Amino acid sequence: NVYEKADYENGLLLCANHDKLFDQHLISFDFNTGKLLFRKNLEDKLQDYDLNPGFVLDEKYMTDKRKQYLMQHNVEFFAKNKEQ
């Protein structure tokens, strides 16, 4: 909605490639820990996408409101990747 689009808490500064992966729910960040989540079929391609499987968002970005947005993204990520 328009309020979510204007909310700075509903955003992460990602490079264009990672942003596209995020928008397509191929990657996400765990809403509790900030740990990178990725689709299983990307496991062999992480280096190609310059993704570190151990990456964790800095704690300063894990505000309560951002966690709520990430929780919504996690739900969609797991729903779209449950067959993987």
C-alpha atoms as a PDB file:
ATOM      1  CA  ASN A   1       0.000   0.000   0.000  1.00  0.00           C
ATOM      2  CA  VAL A   2       1.006   3.621  -0.265  1.00  0.00           C
ATOM      3  CA  TYR A   3       2.047   3.861   3.393  1.00  0.00           C
ATOM      4  CA  GLU A   4       4.299   0.822   3.158  1.00  0.00           C
ATOM      5  CA  LYS A   5       5.924   2.205   0.010  1.00  0.00           C
ATOM      6  CA  ALA A   6       6.724   5.478   1.801  1.00  0.00           C
ATOM      7  CA  ASP A   7       8.002   3.808   4.979  1.00  0.00           C
ATOM      8  CA  TYR A   8      11.807   3.832   5.063  1.00  0.00           C
ATOM      9  CA  GLU A   9      11.674   0.801   7.384  1.00  0.00           C
ATOM     10  CA  ASN A  10      10.259  -1.162   4.445  1.00  0.00           C
ATOM     11  CA  GLY A  11      13.459  -1.171   2.475  1.00  0.00           C
ATOM     12  CA  LEU A  12      16.984  -2.443   2.271  1.00  0.00           C
ATOM     13  CA  LEU A  13      19.693  -0.923   0.132  1.00  0.00           C
ATOM     14  CA  LEU A  14      20.672  -3.796  -2.157  1.00  0.00           C
ATOM     15  CA  CYS A  15      22.556  -3.794  -5.428  1.00  0.00           C
ATOM     16  CA  ALA A  16      20.372  -4.264  -8.513  1.00  0.00           C
ATOM     17  CA  ASN A  17      21.129  -7.987  -8.818  1.00  0.00           C
ATOM     18  CA  HIS A  18      20.373  -8.775  -5.180  1.00  0.00           C
ATOM     19  CA  ASP A  19      17.292  -6.541  -5.258  1.00  0.00           C
ATOM     20  CA  LYS A  20      15.911  -8.523  -8.189  1.00  0.00           C
ATOM     21  CA  LEU A  21      16.570 -11.821  -6.365  1.00  0.00           C
ATOM     22  CA  PHE A  22      14.834 -10.386  -3.287  1.00  0.00           C
ATOM     23  CA  ASP A  23      11.825  -9.141  -5.292  1.00  0.00           C
ATOM     24  CA  GLN A  24      11.486 -12.554  -6.932  1.00  0.00           C
ATOM     25  CA  HIS A  25      11.644 -14.237  -3.495  1.00  0.00           C
ATOM     26  CA  LEU A  26      14.779 -16.143  -4.431  1.00  0.00           C
ATOM     27  CA  ILE A  27      16.533 -14.655  -1.393  1.00  0.00           C
ATOM     28  CA  SER A  28      15.280 -13.170   1.846  1.00  0.00           C
ATOM     29  CA  PHE A  29      16.578 -12.371   5.318  1.00  0.00           C
ATOM     30  CA  ASP A  30      15.359 -14.203   8.409  1.00  0.00           C
ATOM     31  CA  PHE A  31      13.129 -11.785  10.293  1.00  0.00           C
ATOM     32  CA  ASN A  32      14.556 -12.852  13.681  1.00  0.00           C
ATOM     33  CA  THR A  33      18.268 -13.094  12.956  1.00  0.00           C
ATOM     34  CA  GLY A  34      18.812 -11.181   9.706  1.00  0.00           C
ATOM     35  CA  LYS A  35      20.566 -14.245   8.227  1.00  0.00           C
ATOM     36  CA  LEU A  36      20.497 -14.566   4.465  1.00  0.00           C
ATOM     37  CA  LEU A  37      17.984 -17.112   3.200  1.00  0.00           C
ATOM     38  CA  PHE A  38      18.236 -18.414  -0.334  1.00  0.00           C
ATOM     39  CA  ARG A  39      16.419 -20.800  -2.584  1.00  0.00           C
ATOM     40  CA  LYS A  40      18.025 -24.234  -2.471  1.00  0.00           C
ATOM     41  CA  ASN A  41      18.629 -24.353  -6.221  1.00  0.00           C
ATOM     42  CA  LEU A  42      20.829 -21.237  -5.864  1.00  0.00           C
ATOM     43  CA  GLU A  43      23.204 -23.049  -3.517  1.00  0.00           C
ATOM     44  CA  ASP A  44      25.654 -23.928  -6.303  1.00  0.00           C
ATOM     45  CA  LYS A  45      25.384 -20.428  -7.815  1.00  0.00           C
ATOM     46  CA  LEU A  46      25.930 -18.289  -4.704  1.00  0.00           C
ATOM     47  CA  GLN A  47      29.418 -17.298  -5.806  1.00  0.00           C
ATOM     48  CA  ASP A  48      28.097 -16.311  -9.256  1.00  0.00           C
ATOM     49  CA  TYR A  49      25.609 -13.972  -7.557  1.00  0.00           C
ATOM     50  CA  ASP A  50      28.237 -12.742  -5.081  1.00  0.00           C
ATOM     51  CA  LEU A  51      26.188 -14.040  -2.156  1.00  0.00           C
ATOM     52  CA  ASN A  52      27.774 -15.131   1.102  1.00  0.00           C
ATOM     53  CA  PRO A  53      25.677 -17.930   2.674  1.00  0.00           C
ATOM     54  CA  GLY A  54      26.800 -16.794   6.126  1.00  0.00           C
ATOM     55  CA  PHE A  55      25.797 -13.144   5.617  1.00  0.00           C
ATOM     56  CA  VAL A  56      23.728 -11.570   8.404  1.00  0.00           C
ATOM     57  CA  LEU A  57      22.183  -8.091   8.325  1.00  0.00           C
ATOM     58  CA  ASP A  58      23.739  -5.742  10.843  1.00  0.00           C
ATOM     59  CA  GLU A  59      21.732  -5.548  14.051  1.00  0.00           C
ATOM     60  CA  LYS A  60      21.138  -1.800  13.549  1.00  0.00           C
ATOM     61  CA  TYR A  61      18.921  -2.636  10.564  1.00  0.00           C
ATOM     62  CA  MET A  62      16.840  -5.142  12.519  1.00  0.00           C
ATOM     63  CA  THR A  63      14.300  -2.730  13.961  1.00  0.00           C
ATOM     64  CA  ASP A  64      10.956  -4.058  15.158  1.00  0.00           C
ATOM     65  CA  LYS A  65       9.146  -2.523  12.206  1.00  0.00           C
ATOM     66  CA  ARG A  66      11.644  -3.885   9.650  1.00  0.00           C
ATOM     67  CA  LYS A  67      11.299  -7.306  11.274  1.00  0.00           C
ATOM     68  CA  GLN A  68       7.552  -7.116  10.599  1.00  0.00           C
ATOM     69  CA  TYR A  69       8.182  -6.367   6.929  1.00  0.00           C
ATOM     70  CA  LEU A  70      10.776  -9.146   6.737  1.00  0.00           C
ATOM     71  CA  MET A  71       8.307 -11.527   8.366  1.00  0.00           C
ATOM     72  CA  GLN A  72       5.849 -10.820   5.543  1.00  0.00           C
ATOM     73  CA  HIS A  73       8.619 -11.366   2.997  1.00  0.00           C
ATOM     74  CA  ASN A  74       9.649 -14.624   4.742  1.00  0.00           C
ATOM     75  CA  VAL A  75       6.090 -15.953   4.503  1.00  0.00           C
ATOM     76  CA  GLU A  76       6.061 -15.336   0.756  1.00  0.00           C
ATOM     77  CA  PHE A  77       9.636 -16.630   0.357  1.00  0.00           C
ATOM     78  CA  PHE A  78       8.814 -19.945   2.053  1.00  0.00           C
ATOM     79  CA  ALA A  79       5.477 -20.282   0.241  1.00  0.00           C
ATOM     80  CA  LYS A  80       7.133 -19.820  -3.157  1.00  0.00           C
ATOM     81  CA  ASN A  81      10.062 -22.076  -2.304  1.00  0.00           C
ATOM     82  CA  LYS A  82       8.356 -24.886  -0.392  1.00  0.00           C
ATOM     83  CA  GLU A  83       8.849 -27.340  -3.246  1.00  0.00           C
ATOM     84  CA  GLN A  84      12.605 -26.736  -3.186  1.00  0.00           C
END
